Amino acid sequence: MRLARILTLLLHPVIMPLAGVYILLTYGGWLSLMPPVAKRYIYLITAITTLVIPLLILPLLKHKKIISGYHLSDHRERRIPLLLVAFLNLAGAWILQRAGAPLVFALFLDASSMIILGCTLITWKWKISTHLAGIGGLTGMVMAVSLKWTLNLEIITGILFLLSGLSGFARLKLDQHTPAQVYAGYLLGFGISFFVMRMI
């Protein structure tokens, strides 16, 4: 049980955009040759809009009694937090695009926003796994970029598949989702991200 909680925390969906930027800037061919100052800017904007602000908003939502806890176990409580995170991902994409960053970063954040919106719509009727949607989106991005730019990212892809399985195991072990919700989340994230990133 403790391992499942650790995996759930380490593979949280809010970490996936930053993980994607790291993979692109480290293993993304010509992107790894970008000037350090440009890399720092991309990391900073991504971290602020997809990680820092969403985490700072949660205590406010709890204080206003919009959510009852930070785990968001009730799918009805997920709607407003998910919509806010989707908006912040779009804001990050817009800032990076305005700053002249390579289009791949804005597209990745756009895809992340679309995945979150998809989860939000489904959440109105059914509890889908946002954890698996997040890592599915990251895997879809890596596969799309590797195919589009003919990059050898087989090891990264293999690691992501392994981590996806571990994330699914953790969510099931904690009794947070059914197998159908886990598979649906992964397929939603992977499908949207792979399709959007093929437009690079």
N, C-alpha and C. Protein backbone atom coordinates (compact mmCIF):
# COMPACT_ATOMS: atom_id res chain seq x y z
N MET A 1 0.83 -1.21 0.00
CA MET A 1 0.00 0.00 0.00
C MET A 1 0.86 1.26 0.00
N ARG A 2 1.93 1.23 0.78
CA ARG A 2 2.81 2.39 0.84
C ARG A 2 3.49 2.63 -0.50
N LEU A 3 3.92 1.55 -1.16
CA LEU A 3 4.53 1.66 -2.48
C LEU A 3 3.56 2.28 -3.48
N ALA A 4 2.31 1.86 -3.42
CA ALA A 4 1.29 2.40 -4.32
C ALA A 4 1.11 3.90 -4.11
N ARG A 5 1.14 4.33 -2.86
CA ARG A 5 0.99 5.77 -2.57
C ARG A 5 2.20 6.56 -3.10
N ILE A 6 3.39 5.99 -2.95
CA ILE A 6 4.61 6.65 -3.44
C ILE A 6 4.57 6.76 -4.96
N LEU A 7 4.16 5.68 -5.64
CA LEU A 7 4.06 5.69 -7.10
C LEU A 7 3.03 6.70 -7.57
N THR A 8 1.91 6.77 -6.86
CA THR A 8 0.85 7.73 -7.20
C THR A 8 1.37 9.17 -7.10
N LEU A 9 2.18 9.44 -6.09
CA LEU A 9 2.73 10.78 -5.90
C LEU A 9 3.79 11.09 -6.96
N LEU A 10 4.70 10.15 -7.20
CA LEU A 10 5.80 10.37 -8.15
C LEU A 10 5.30 10.47 -9.60
N LEU A 11 4.20 9.79 -9.89
CA LEU A 11 3.68 9.78 -11.27
C LEU A 11 2.40 10.61 -11.38
N HIS A 12 2.31 11.64 -10.56
CA HIS A 12 1.13 12.52 -10.56
C HIS A 12 1.02 13.25 -11.90
N PRO A 13 -0.20 13.45 -12.41
CA PRO A 13 -0.36 14.09 -13.71
C PRO A 13 0.21 15.50 -13.83
N VAL A 14 0.26 16.28 -12.73
CA VAL A 14 0.80 17.64 -12.84
C VAL A 14 2.30 17.65 -13.12
N ILE A 15 2.96 16.51 -12.92
CA ILE A 15 4.41 16.43 -13.17
C ILE A 15 4.70 16.14 -14.64
N MET A 16 3.73 15.58 -15.35
CA MET A 16 3.96 15.10 -16.72
C MET A 16 4.38 16.20 -17.72
N PRO A 17 3.78 17.40 -17.70
CA PRO A 17 4.26 18.41 -18.64
C PRO A 17 5.74 18.75 -18.45
N LEU A 18 6.17 18.88 -17.20
CA LEU A 18 7.58 19.19 -16.93
C LEU A 18 8.48 18.02 -17.34
N ALA A 19 8.00 16.80 -17.11
CA ALA A 19 8.76 15.62 -17.54
C ALA A 19 8.89 15.59 -19.06
N GLY A 20 7.82 15.97 -19.75
CA GLY A 20 7.86 16.02 -21.21
C GLY A 20 8.84 17.04 -21.73
N VAL A 21 8.86 18.21 -21.10
CA VAL A 21 9.82 19.26 -21.50
C VAL A 21 11.24 18.77 -21.27
N TYR A 22 11.47 18.10 -20.15
CA TYR A 22 12.82 17.56 -19.87
C TYR A 22 13.24 16.56 -20.95
N ILE A 23 12.33 15.66 -21.33
CA ILE A 23 12.66 14.67 -22.36
C ILE A 23 12.97 15.36 -23.69
N LEU A 24 12.16 16.34 -24.06
CA LEU A 24 12.38 17.06 -25.32
C LEU A 24 13.72 17.80 -25.32
N LEU A 25 14.02 18.47 -24.22
CA LEU A 25 15.25 19.28 -24.17
C LEU A 25 16.50 18.43 -23.97
N THR A 26 16.34 17.19 -23.55
CA THR A 26 17.49 16.32 -23.31
C THR A 26 17.72 15.33 -24.44
N TYR A 27 16.63 14.78 -24.98
CA TYR A 27 16.75 13.73 -26.00
C TYR A 27 16.09 14.10 -27.32
N GLY A 28 15.65 15.34 -27.46
CA GLY A 28 14.89 15.76 -28.64
C GLY A 28 15.73 16.25 -29.79
N GLY A 29 16.86 15.62 -30.06
CA GLY A 29 17.68 16.00 -31.21
C GLY A 29 18.19 17.42 -31.11
N TRP A 30 17.82 18.25 -32.07
CA TRP A 30 18.32 19.62 -32.13
C TRP A 30 17.85 20.46 -30.94
N LEU A 31 16.77 20.07 -30.29
CA LEU A 31 16.28 20.82 -29.14
C LEU A 31 17.29 20.80 -27.99
N SER A 32 18.05 19.73 -27.90
CA SER A 32 19.05 19.63 -26.83
C SER A 32 20.20 20.62 -27.02
N LEU A 33 20.30 21.18 -28.22
CA LEU A 33 21.37 22.14 -28.53
C LEU A 33 20.95 23.59 -28.29
N MET A 34 19.74 23.79 -27.81
CA MET A 34 19.27 25.16 -27.55
C MET A 34 20.13 25.82 -26.47
N PRO A 35 20.26 27.14 -26.51
CA PRO A 35 21.05 27.84 -25.48
C PRO A 35 20.49 27.60 -24.08
N PRO A 36 21.35 27.50 -23.08
CA PRO A 36 20.89 27.27 -21.69
C PRO A 36 19.84 28.27 -21.22
N VAL A 37 19.98 29.53 -21.62
CA VAL A 37 19.03 30.55 -21.17
C VAL A 37 17.63 30.26 -21.73
N ALA A 38 17.58 29.78 -22.97
CA ALA A 38 16.29 29.43 -23.59
C ALA A 38 15.68 28.22 -22.89
N LYS A 39 16.51 27.24 -22.56
CA LYS A 39 16.02 26.05 -21.85
C LYS A 39 15.45 26.43 -20.48
N ARG A 40 16.17 27.30 -19.78
CA ARG A 40 15.72 27.72 -18.45
C ARG A 40 14.37 28.42 -18.54
N TYR A 41 14.19 29.25 -19.57
CA TYR A 41 12.93 29.97 -19.74
C TYR A 41 11.77 28.99 -19.97
N ILE A 42 12.00 28.00 -20.83
CA ILE A 42 10.96 27.00 -21.12
C ILE A 42 10.62 26.21 -19.87
N TYR A 43 11.64 25.79 -19.12
CA TYR A 43 11.42 25.08 -17.86
C TYR A 43 10.62 25.95 -16.89
N LEU A 44 11.00 27.22 -16.77
CA LEU A 44 10.36 28.13 -15.81
C LEU A 44 8.89 28.32 -16.12
N ILE A 45 8.57 28.64 -17.37
CA ILE A 45 7.17 28.88 -17.75
C ILE A 45 6.35 27.61 -17.56
N THR A 46 6.90 26.47 -17.97
CA THR A 46 6.18 25.20 -17.82
C THR A 46 5.95 24.88 -16.35
N ALA A 47 6.98 25.06 -15.53
CA ALA A 47 6.85 24.74 -14.10
C ALA A 47 5.82 25.64 -13.42
N ILE A 48 5.85 26.94 -13.73
CA ILE A 48 4.94 27.88 -13.08
C ILE A 48 3.49 27.61 -13.47
N THR A 49 3.24 27.41 -14.77
CA THR A 49 1.86 27.30 -15.25
C THR A 49 1.25 25.91 -15.05
N THR A 50 2.07 24.86 -15.04
CA THR A 50 1.49 23.51 -14.96
C THR A 50 1.71 22.83 -13.61
N LEU A 51 2.59 23.38 -12.78
CA LEU A 51 2.89 22.72 -11.50
C LEU A 51 2.69 23.66 -10.30
N VAL A 52 3.38 24.79 -10.30
CA VAL A 52 3.38 25.67 -9.13
C VAL A 52 1.99 26.28 -8.88
N ILE A 53 1.44 26.95 -9.89
CA ILE A 53 0.13 27.59 -9.70
C ILE A 53 -0.97 26.58 -9.38
N PRO A 54 -1.06 25.44 -10.11
CA PRO A 54 -2.09 24.45 -9.74
C PRO A 54 -1.97 23.97 -8.29
N LEU A 55 -0.75 23.77 -7.81
CA LEU A 55 -0.58 23.31 -6.42
C LEU A 55 -0.94 24.41 -5.42
N LEU A 56 -0.69 25.66 -5.80
CA LEU A 56 -1.04 26.78 -4.91
C LEU A 56 -2.55 27.02 -4.87
N ILE A 57 -3.25 26.66 -5.94
CA ILE A 57 -4.70 26.88 -6.02
C ILE A 57 -5.46 25.90 -5.14
N LEU A 58 -4.93 24.67 -4.98
CA LEU A 58 -5.65 23.64 -4.23
C LEU A 58 -6.05 24.07 -2.81
N PRO A 59 -5.13 24.67 -2.01
CA PRO A 59 -5.54 25.10 -0.66
C PRO A 59 -6.67 26.14 -0.70
N LEU A 60 -6.65 27.00 -1.71
CA LEU A 60 -7.72 28.00 -1.85
C LEU A 60 -9.05 27.32 -2.14
N LEU A 61 -9.04 26.32 -3.03
CA LEU A 61 -10.27 25.59 -3.35
C LEU A 61 -10.79 24.84 -2.12
N LYS A 62 -9.88 24.31 -1.34
CA LYS A 62 -10.29 23.61 -0.11
C LYS A 62 -10.85 24.59 0.91
N HIS A 63 -10.22 25.75 1.03
CA HIS A 63 -10.69 26.79 1.97
C HIS A 63 -12.10 27.26 1.59
N LYS A 64 -12.36 27.35 0.28
CA LYS A 64 -13.68 27.79 -0.19
C LYS A 64 -14.69 26.65 -0.22
N LYS A 65 -14.24 25.44 0.21
CA LYS A 65 -15.08 24.25 0.28
C LYS A 65 -15.55 23.80 -1.10
N ILE A 66 -14.78 24.11 -2.13
CA ILE A 66 -15.06 23.61 -3.47
C ILE A 66 -14.61 22.15 -3.57
N ILE A 67 -13.52 21.84 -2.86
CA ILE A 67 -13.07 20.46 -2.74
C ILE A 67 -12.97 20.12 -1.25
N SER A 68 -13.17 18.84 -0.92
CA SER A 68 -13.13 18.44 0.49
C SER A 68 -11.74 17.96 0.91
N GLY A 69 -10.91 17.60 -0.07
CA GLY A 69 -9.55 17.13 0.23
C GLY A 69 -8.69 17.20 -1.01
N TYR A 70 -7.41 16.94 -0.82
CA TYR A 70 -6.46 17.07 -1.93
C TYR A 70 -6.42 15.85 -2.85
N HIS A 71 -7.00 14.73 -2.42
CA HIS A 71 -6.96 13.52 -3.24
C HIS A 71 -8.03 13.54 -4.33
N LEU A 72 -9.03 14.38 -4.20
CA LEU A 72 -10.11 14.51 -5.18
C LEU A 72 -10.72 13.15 -5.51
N SER A 73 -11.01 12.37 -4.49
CA SER A 73 -11.54 11.02 -4.69
C SER A 73 -12.94 11.04 -5.31
N ASP A 74 -13.73 12.06 -4.98
CA ASP A 74 -15.06 12.21 -5.55
C ASP A 74 -14.93 12.84 -6.94
N HIS A 75 -15.38 12.12 -7.95
CA HIS A 75 -15.20 12.62 -9.33
C HIS A 75 -15.91 13.94 -9.57
N ARG A 76 -16.96 14.24 -8.80
CA ARG A 76 -17.67 15.51 -8.98
C ARG A 76 -16.84 16.70 -8.52
N GLU A 77 -15.92 16.46 -7.58
CA GLU A 77 -15.06 17.55 -7.09
C GLU A 77 -13.90 17.85 -8.03
N ARG A 78 -13.71 17.02 -9.02
CA ARG A 78 -12.57 17.19 -9.93
C ARG A 78 -12.81 18.23 -11.01
N ARG A 79 -14.06 18.58 -11.23
CA ARG A 79 -14.39 19.40 -12.41
C ARG A 79 -13.70 20.76 -12.40
N ILE A 80 -13.87 21.54 -11.34
CA ILE A 80 -13.29 22.88 -11.29
C ILE A 80 -11.77 22.84 -11.28
N PRO A 81 -11.13 21.99 -10.44
CA PRO A 81 -9.66 21.91 -10.49
C PRO A 81 -9.15 21.53 -11.88
N LEU A 82 -9.81 20.58 -12.54
CA LEU A 82 -9.36 20.16 -13.87
C LEU A 82 -9.50 21.30 -14.89
N LEU A 83 -10.61 22.04 -14.82
CA LEU A 83 -10.79 23.16 -15.74
C LEU A 83 -9.73 24.23 -15.53
N LEU A 84 -9.39 24.50 -14.28
CA LEU A 84 -8.35 25.49 -13.98
C LEU A 84 -6.99 25.03 -14.52
N VAL A 85 -6.67 23.75 -14.33
CA VAL A 85 -5.39 23.22 -14.81
C VAL A 85 -5.35 23.25 -16.34
N ALA A 86 -6.46 22.93 -16.99
CA ALA A 86 -6.52 22.99 -18.45
C ALA A 86 -6.25 24.41 -18.94
N PHE A 87 -6.86 25.39 -18.29
CA PHE A 87 -6.64 26.80 -18.65
C PHE A 87 -5.17 27.19 -18.46
N LEU A 88 -4.57 26.75 -17.36
CA LEU A 88 -3.17 27.10 -17.08
C LEU A 88 -2.22 26.46 -18.08
N ASN A 89 -2.54 25.25 -18.54
CA ASN A 89 -1.73 24.63 -19.59
C ASN A 89 -1.81 25.44 -20.88
N LEU A 90 -3.01 25.89 -21.21
CA LEU A 90 -3.18 26.74 -22.40
C LEU A 90 -2.42 28.05 -22.25
N ALA A 91 -2.45 28.62 -21.04
CA ALA A 91 -1.72 29.86 -20.78
C ALA A 91 -0.22 29.65 -20.98
N GLY A 92 0.30 28.53 -20.47
CA GLY A 92 1.71 28.22 -20.67
C GLY A 92 2.06 28.07 -22.14
N ALA A 93 1.20 27.41 -22.89
CA ALA A 93 1.43 27.24 -24.33
C ALA A 93 1.45 28.60 -25.03
N TRP A 94 0.51 29.47 -24.65
CA TRP A 94 0.43 30.80 -25.28
C TRP A 94 1.69 31.61 -24.98
N ILE A 95 2.15 31.58 -23.73
CA ILE A 95 3.36 32.34 -23.35
C ILE A 95 4.57 31.84 -24.13
N LEU A 96 4.72 30.53 -24.22
CA LEU A 96 5.88 29.97 -24.93
C LEU A 96 5.82 30.30 -26.42
N GLN A 97 4.61 30.26 -26.98
CA GLN A 97 4.48 30.60 -28.40
C GLN A 97 4.79 32.06 -28.65
N ARG A 98 4.31 32.94 -27.77
CA ARG A 98 4.59 34.38 -27.90
C ARG A 98 6.08 34.68 -27.74
N ALA A 99 6.76 33.85 -26.94
CA ALA A 99 8.19 34.06 -26.70
C ALA A 99 9.05 33.50 -27.82
N GLY A 100 8.43 32.82 -28.78
CA GLY A 100 9.19 32.29 -29.91
C GLY A 100 9.85 30.95 -29.64
N ALA A 101 9.39 30.24 -28.61
CA ALA A 101 9.94 28.91 -28.34
C ALA A 101 9.52 27.97 -29.46
N PRO A 102 10.28 26.90 -29.71
CA PRO A 102 9.89 25.94 -30.75
C PRO A 102 8.46 25.46 -30.54
N LEU A 103 7.74 25.31 -31.65
CA LEU A 103 6.31 25.00 -31.61
C LEU A 103 5.98 23.73 -30.84
N VAL A 104 6.91 22.79 -30.80
CA VAL A 104 6.66 21.50 -30.16
C VAL A 104 6.25 21.66 -28.69
N PHE A 105 6.80 22.66 -28.00
CA PHE A 105 6.48 22.86 -26.58
C PHE A 105 5.06 23.36 -26.40
N ALA A 106 4.65 24.32 -27.22
CA ALA A 106 3.28 24.83 -27.14
C ALA A 106 2.27 23.74 -27.51
N LEU A 107 2.60 22.95 -28.53
CA LEU A 107 1.71 21.87 -28.94
C LEU A 107 1.55 20.84 -27.83
N PHE A 108 2.64 20.55 -27.15
CA PHE A 108 2.58 19.57 -26.06
C PHE A 108 1.68 20.07 -24.93
N LEU A 109 1.79 21.34 -24.58
CA LEU A 109 0.93 21.89 -23.53
C LEU A 109 -0.52 22.01 -24.02
N ASP A 110 -0.70 22.30 -25.31
CA ASP A 110 -2.06 22.30 -25.87
C ASP A 110 -2.68 20.91 -25.77
N ALA A 111 -1.89 19.89 -26.12
CA ALA A 111 -2.37 18.51 -26.03
C ALA A 111 -2.70 18.15 -24.58
N SER A 112 -1.85 18.59 -23.65
CA SER A 112 -2.11 18.35 -22.22
C SER A 112 -3.44 18.98 -21.81
N SER A 113 -3.69 20.19 -22.29
CA SER A 113 -4.93 20.88 -21.97
C SER A 113 -6.14 20.13 -22.54
N MET A 114 -6.00 19.64 -23.77
CA MET A 114 -7.09 18.89 -24.39
C MET A 114 -7.37 17.59 -23.64
N ILE A 115 -6.31 16.94 -23.16
CA ILE A 115 -6.48 15.71 -22.38
C ILE A 115 -7.25 16.01 -21.09
N ILE A 116 -6.87 17.09 -20.43
CA ILE A 116 -7.54 17.48 -19.17
C ILE A 116 -9.00 17.82 -19.42
N LEU A 117 -9.27 18.54 -20.52
CA LEU A 117 -10.66 18.88 -20.86
C LEU A 117 -11.46 17.61 -21.15
N GLY A 118 -10.83 16.66 -21.85
CA GLY A 118 -11.49 15.38 -22.10
C GLY A 118 -11.83 14.67 -20.81
N CYS A 119 -10.89 14.65 -19.89
CA CYS A 119 -11.13 14.04 -18.58
C CYS A 119 -12.25 14.76 -17.84
N THR A 120 -12.29 16.09 -17.96
CA THR A 120 -13.32 16.88 -17.28
C THR A 120 -14.71 16.52 -17.80
N LEU A 121 -14.84 16.41 -19.11
CA LEU A 121 -16.14 16.08 -19.70
C LEU A 121 -16.60 14.69 -19.27
N ILE A 122 -15.67 13.74 -19.30
CA ILE A 122 -16.01 12.37 -18.91
C ILE A 122 -16.35 12.31 -17.42
N THR A 123 -15.66 13.14 -16.63
CA THR A 123 -15.86 13.15 -15.18
C THR A 123 -17.27 13.56 -14.80
N TRP A 124 -17.97 14.23 -15.69
CA TRP A 124 -19.36 14.63 -15.40
C TRP A 124 -20.23 13.40 -15.15
N LYS A 125 -19.88 12.28 -15.81
CA LYS A 125 -20.68 11.07 -15.69
C LYS A 125 -19.92 9.89 -15.08
N TRP A 126 -18.59 9.94 -15.16
CA TRP A 126 -17.81 8.74 -14.84
C TRP A 126 -16.44 9.14 -14.34
N LYS A 127 -15.86 8.37 -13.45
CA LYS A 127 -14.55 8.70 -12.90
C LYS A 127 -13.45 8.05 -13.74
N ILE A 128 -12.77 8.84 -14.55
CA ILE A 128 -11.68 8.35 -15.38
C ILE A 128 -10.35 8.63 -14.68
N SER A 129 -9.33 7.83 -14.96
CA SER A 129 -8.04 8.00 -14.30
C SER A 129 -7.23 9.13 -14.94
N THR A 130 -7.10 10.23 -14.23
CA THR A 130 -6.27 11.34 -14.73
C THR A 130 -4.79 10.99 -14.64
N HIS A 131 -4.41 10.14 -13.69
CA HIS A 131 -3.02 9.70 -13.59
C HIS A 131 -2.59 9.00 -14.88
N LEU A 132 -3.44 8.07 -15.34
CA LEU A 132 -3.10 7.32 -16.55
C LEU A 132 -3.25 8.19 -17.80
N ALA A 133 -4.18 9.15 -17.77
CA ALA A 133 -4.30 10.08 -18.89
C ALA A 133 -3.03 10.92 -19.02
N GLY A 134 -2.48 11.33 -17.86
CA GLY A 134 -1.26 12.14 -17.87
C GLY A 134 -0.07 11.41 -18.44
N ILE A 135 0.19 10.21 -17.94
CA ILE A 135 1.36 9.47 -18.42
C ILE A 135 1.12 8.91 -19.82
N GLY A 136 -0.15 8.66 -20.14
CA GLY A 136 -0.48 8.26 -21.52
C GLY A 136 -0.18 9.38 -22.49
N GLY A 137 -0.50 10.62 -22.09
CA GLY A 137 -0.20 11.78 -22.93
C GLY A 137 1.29 11.97 -23.12
N LEU A 138 2.05 11.76 -22.07
CA LEU A 138 3.51 11.88 -22.17
C LEU A 138 4.07 10.81 -23.11
N THR A 139 3.59 9.59 -23.00
CA THR A 139 4.04 8.50 -23.86
C THR A 139 3.66 8.77 -25.31
N GLY A 140 2.45 9.25 -25.53
CA GLY A 140 2.01 9.58 -26.88
C GLY A 140 2.87 10.66 -27.51
N MET A 141 3.23 11.67 -26.73
CA MET A 141 4.09 12.74 -27.24
C MET A 141 5.44 12.19 -27.65
N VAL A 142 6.05 11.38 -26.79
CA VAL A 142 7.38 10.83 -27.08
C VAL A 142 7.35 9.96 -28.34
N MET A 143 6.33 9.14 -28.48
CA MET A 143 6.24 8.28 -29.66
C MET A 143 6.01 9.09 -30.93
N ALA A 144 5.16 10.11 -30.85
CA ALA A 144 4.88 10.94 -32.02
C ALA A 144 6.13 11.69 -32.47
N VAL A 145 6.86 12.28 -31.51
CA VAL A 145 8.06 13.03 -31.84
C VAL A 145 9.14 12.11 -32.40
N SER A 146 9.29 10.93 -31.81
CA SER A 146 10.32 10.00 -32.28
C SER A 146 10.04 9.55 -33.71
N LEU A 147 8.77 9.34 -34.04
CA LEU A 147 8.41 8.94 -35.40
C LEU A 147 8.54 10.09 -36.38
N LYS A 148 8.10 11.28 -35.96
CA LYS A 148 8.12 12.44 -36.85
C LYS A 148 9.54 12.90 -37.16
N TRP A 149 10.40 12.88 -36.15
CA TRP A 149 11.77 13.36 -36.32
C TRP A 149 12.79 12.23 -36.46
N THR A 150 12.28 11.00 -36.58
CA THR A 150 13.13 9.80 -36.66
C THR A 150 14.22 9.79 -35.59
N LEU A 151 13.79 9.97 -34.35
CA LEU A 151 14.70 9.92 -33.20
C LEU A 151 14.64 8.54 -32.57
N ASN A 152 15.75 8.08 -32.06
CA ASN A 152 15.79 6.79 -31.37
C ASN A 152 15.47 7.00 -29.89
N LEU A 153 14.18 6.90 -29.58
CA LEU A 153 13.73 7.09 -28.20
C LEU A 153 13.12 5.79 -27.65
N GLU A 154 13.63 4.65 -28.12
CA GLU A 154 13.07 3.36 -27.72
C GLU A 154 13.23 3.12 -26.22
N ILE A 155 14.37 3.48 -25.65
CA ILE A 155 14.60 3.25 -24.23
C ILE A 155 13.65 4.12 -23.40
N ILE A 156 13.52 5.40 -23.80
CA ILE A 156 12.60 6.32 -23.10
C ILE A 156 11.17 5.78 -23.19
N THR A 157 10.77 5.34 -24.39
CA THR A 157 9.42 4.81 -24.59
C THR A 157 9.20 3.57 -23.72
N GLY A 158 10.19 2.69 -23.68
CA GLY A 158 10.08 1.49 -22.86
C GLY A 158 9.93 1.82 -21.38
N ILE A 159 10.70 2.80 -20.91
CA ILE A 159 10.59 3.23 -19.51
C ILE A 159 9.21 3.79 -19.22
N LEU A 160 8.69 4.58 -20.17
CA LEU A 160 7.36 5.18 -19.98
C LEU A 160 6.27 4.11 -19.95
N PHE A 161 6.39 3.08 -20.79
CA PHE A 161 5.42 1.98 -20.74
C PHE A 161 5.47 1.27 -19.38
N LEU A 162 6.68 1.07 -18.87
CA LEU A 162 6.85 0.45 -17.56
C LEU A 162 6.21 1.31 -16.47
N LEU A 163 6.50 2.62 -16.50
CA LEU A 163 5.94 3.53 -15.51
C LEU A 163 4.42 3.62 -15.63
N SER A 164 3.91 3.50 -16.85
CA SER A 164 2.46 3.50 -17.05
C SER A 164 1.83 2.30 -16.35
N GLY A 165 2.46 1.15 -16.52
CA GLY A 165 1.97 -0.05 -15.86
C GLY A 165 2.01 0.08 -14.34
N LEU A 166 3.09 0.66 -13.83
CA LEU A 166 3.21 0.86 -12.38
C LEU A 166 2.17 1.85 -11.87
N SER A 167 1.91 2.88 -12.66
CA SER A 167 0.90 3.86 -12.26
C SER A 167 -0.48 3.22 -12.22
N GLY A 168 -0.79 2.41 -13.23
CA GLY A 168 -2.07 1.70 -13.25
C GLY A 168 -2.20 0.75 -12.07
N PHE A 169 -1.11 0.04 -11.78
CA PHE A 169 -1.10 -0.87 -10.63
C PHE A 169 -1.38 -0.10 -9.33
N ALA A 170 -0.74 1.06 -9.17
CA ALA A 170 -0.90 1.85 -7.95
C ALA A 170 -2.34 2.33 -7.79
N ARG A 171 -2.94 2.80 -8.87
CA ARG A 171 -4.32 3.31 -8.78
C ARG A 171 -5.30 2.19 -8.45
N LEU A 172 -5.05 1.00 -9.00
CA LEU A 172 -5.92 -0.14 -8.70
C LEU A 172 -5.69 -0.64 -7.28
N LYS A 173 -4.42 -0.66 -6.86
CA LYS A 173 -4.08 -1.13 -5.52
C LYS A 173 -4.72 -0.24 -4.45
N LEU A 174 -4.76 1.06 -4.72
CA LEU A 174 -5.36 2.01 -3.78
C LEU A 174 -6.88 2.06 -3.89
N ASP A 175 -7.41 1.24 -4.80
CA ASP A 175 -8.86 1.17 -5.00
C ASP A 175 -9.45 2.51 -5.41
N GLN A 176 -8.68 3.27 -6.18
CA GLN A 176 -9.14 4.57 -6.67
C GLN A 176 -9.88 4.47 -7.99
N HIS A 177 -9.63 3.37 -8.72
CA HIS A 177 -10.23 3.20 -10.04
C HIS A 177 -10.50 1.73 -10.33
N THR A 178 -11.37 1.52 -11.30
CA THR A 178 -11.58 0.18 -11.84
C THR A 178 -10.60 0.01 -13.01
N PRO A 179 -10.36 -1.24 -13.46
CA PRO A 179 -9.50 -1.43 -14.63
C PRO A 179 -9.97 -0.64 -15.86
N ALA A 180 -11.29 -0.57 -16.06
CA ALA A 180 -11.82 0.17 -17.22
C ALA A 180 -11.45 1.65 -17.15
N GLN A 181 -11.51 2.24 -15.96
CA GLN A 181 -11.17 3.66 -15.80
C GLN A 181 -9.69 3.91 -16.04
N VAL A 182 -8.86 2.94 -15.65
CA VAL A 182 -7.42 3.04 -15.87
C VAL A 182 -7.10 2.96 -17.37
N TYR A 183 -7.67 1.96 -18.05
CA TYR A 183 -7.42 1.80 -19.49
C TYR A 183 -7.96 2.99 -20.28
N ALA A 184 -9.16 3.44 -19.90
CA ALA A 184 -9.77 4.57 -20.61
C ALA A 184 -8.91 5.82 -20.48
N GLY A 185 -8.40 6.08 -19.28
CA GLY A 185 -7.55 7.25 -19.07
C GLY A 185 -6.30 7.18 -19.93
N TYR A 186 -5.67 6.02 -19.94
CA TYR A 186 -4.43 5.88 -20.72
C TYR A 186 -4.68 6.08 -22.21
N LEU A 187 -5.73 5.44 -22.72
CA LEU A 187 -6.03 5.54 -24.16
C LEU A 187 -6.41 6.97 -24.54
N LEU A 188 -7.16 7.64 -23.68
CA LEU A 188 -7.53 9.03 -23.96
C LEU A 188 -6.28 9.92 -24.04
N GLY A 189 -5.43 9.82 -23.02
CA GLY A 189 -4.22 10.64 -23.01
C GLY A 189 -3.29 10.33 -24.17
N PHE A 190 -3.04 9.06 -24.40
CA PHE A 190 -2.15 8.66 -25.48
C PHE A 190 -2.69 9.11 -26.84
N GLY A 191 -3.98 8.85 -27.08
CA GLY A 191 -4.58 9.15 -28.38
C GLY A 191 -4.55 10.64 -28.71
N ILE A 192 -4.97 11.47 -27.77
CA ILE A 192 -4.99 12.92 -28.02
C ILE A 192 -3.58 13.44 -28.24
N SER A 193 -2.66 13.06 -27.37
CA SER A 193 -1.30 13.58 -27.46
C SER A 193 -0.62 13.13 -28.75
N PHE A 194 -0.76 11.86 -29.09
CA PHE A 194 -0.12 11.34 -30.30
C PHE A 194 -0.66 12.06 -31.53
N PHE A 195 -1.97 12.27 -31.60
CA PHE A 195 -2.58 12.93 -32.75
C PHE A 195 -2.13 14.38 -32.86
N VAL A 196 -2.16 15.12 -31.75
CA VAL A 196 -1.78 16.53 -31.77
C VAL A 196 -0.31 16.70 -32.11
N MET A 197 0.56 15.89 -31.52
CA MET A 197 1.99 16.03 -31.74
C MET A 197 2.43 15.62 -33.14
N ARG A 198 1.61 14.87 -33.83
CA ARG A 198 1.94 14.53 -35.22
C ARG A 198 1.82 15.74 -36.14
N MET A 199 1.24 16.84 -35.63
CA MET A 199 1.07 18.05 -36.44
C MET A 199 2.31 18.95 -36.42
N ILE A 200 3.38 18.50 -35.73
CA ILE A 200 4.61 19.31 -35.64
C ILE A 200 5.13 19.61 -37.05
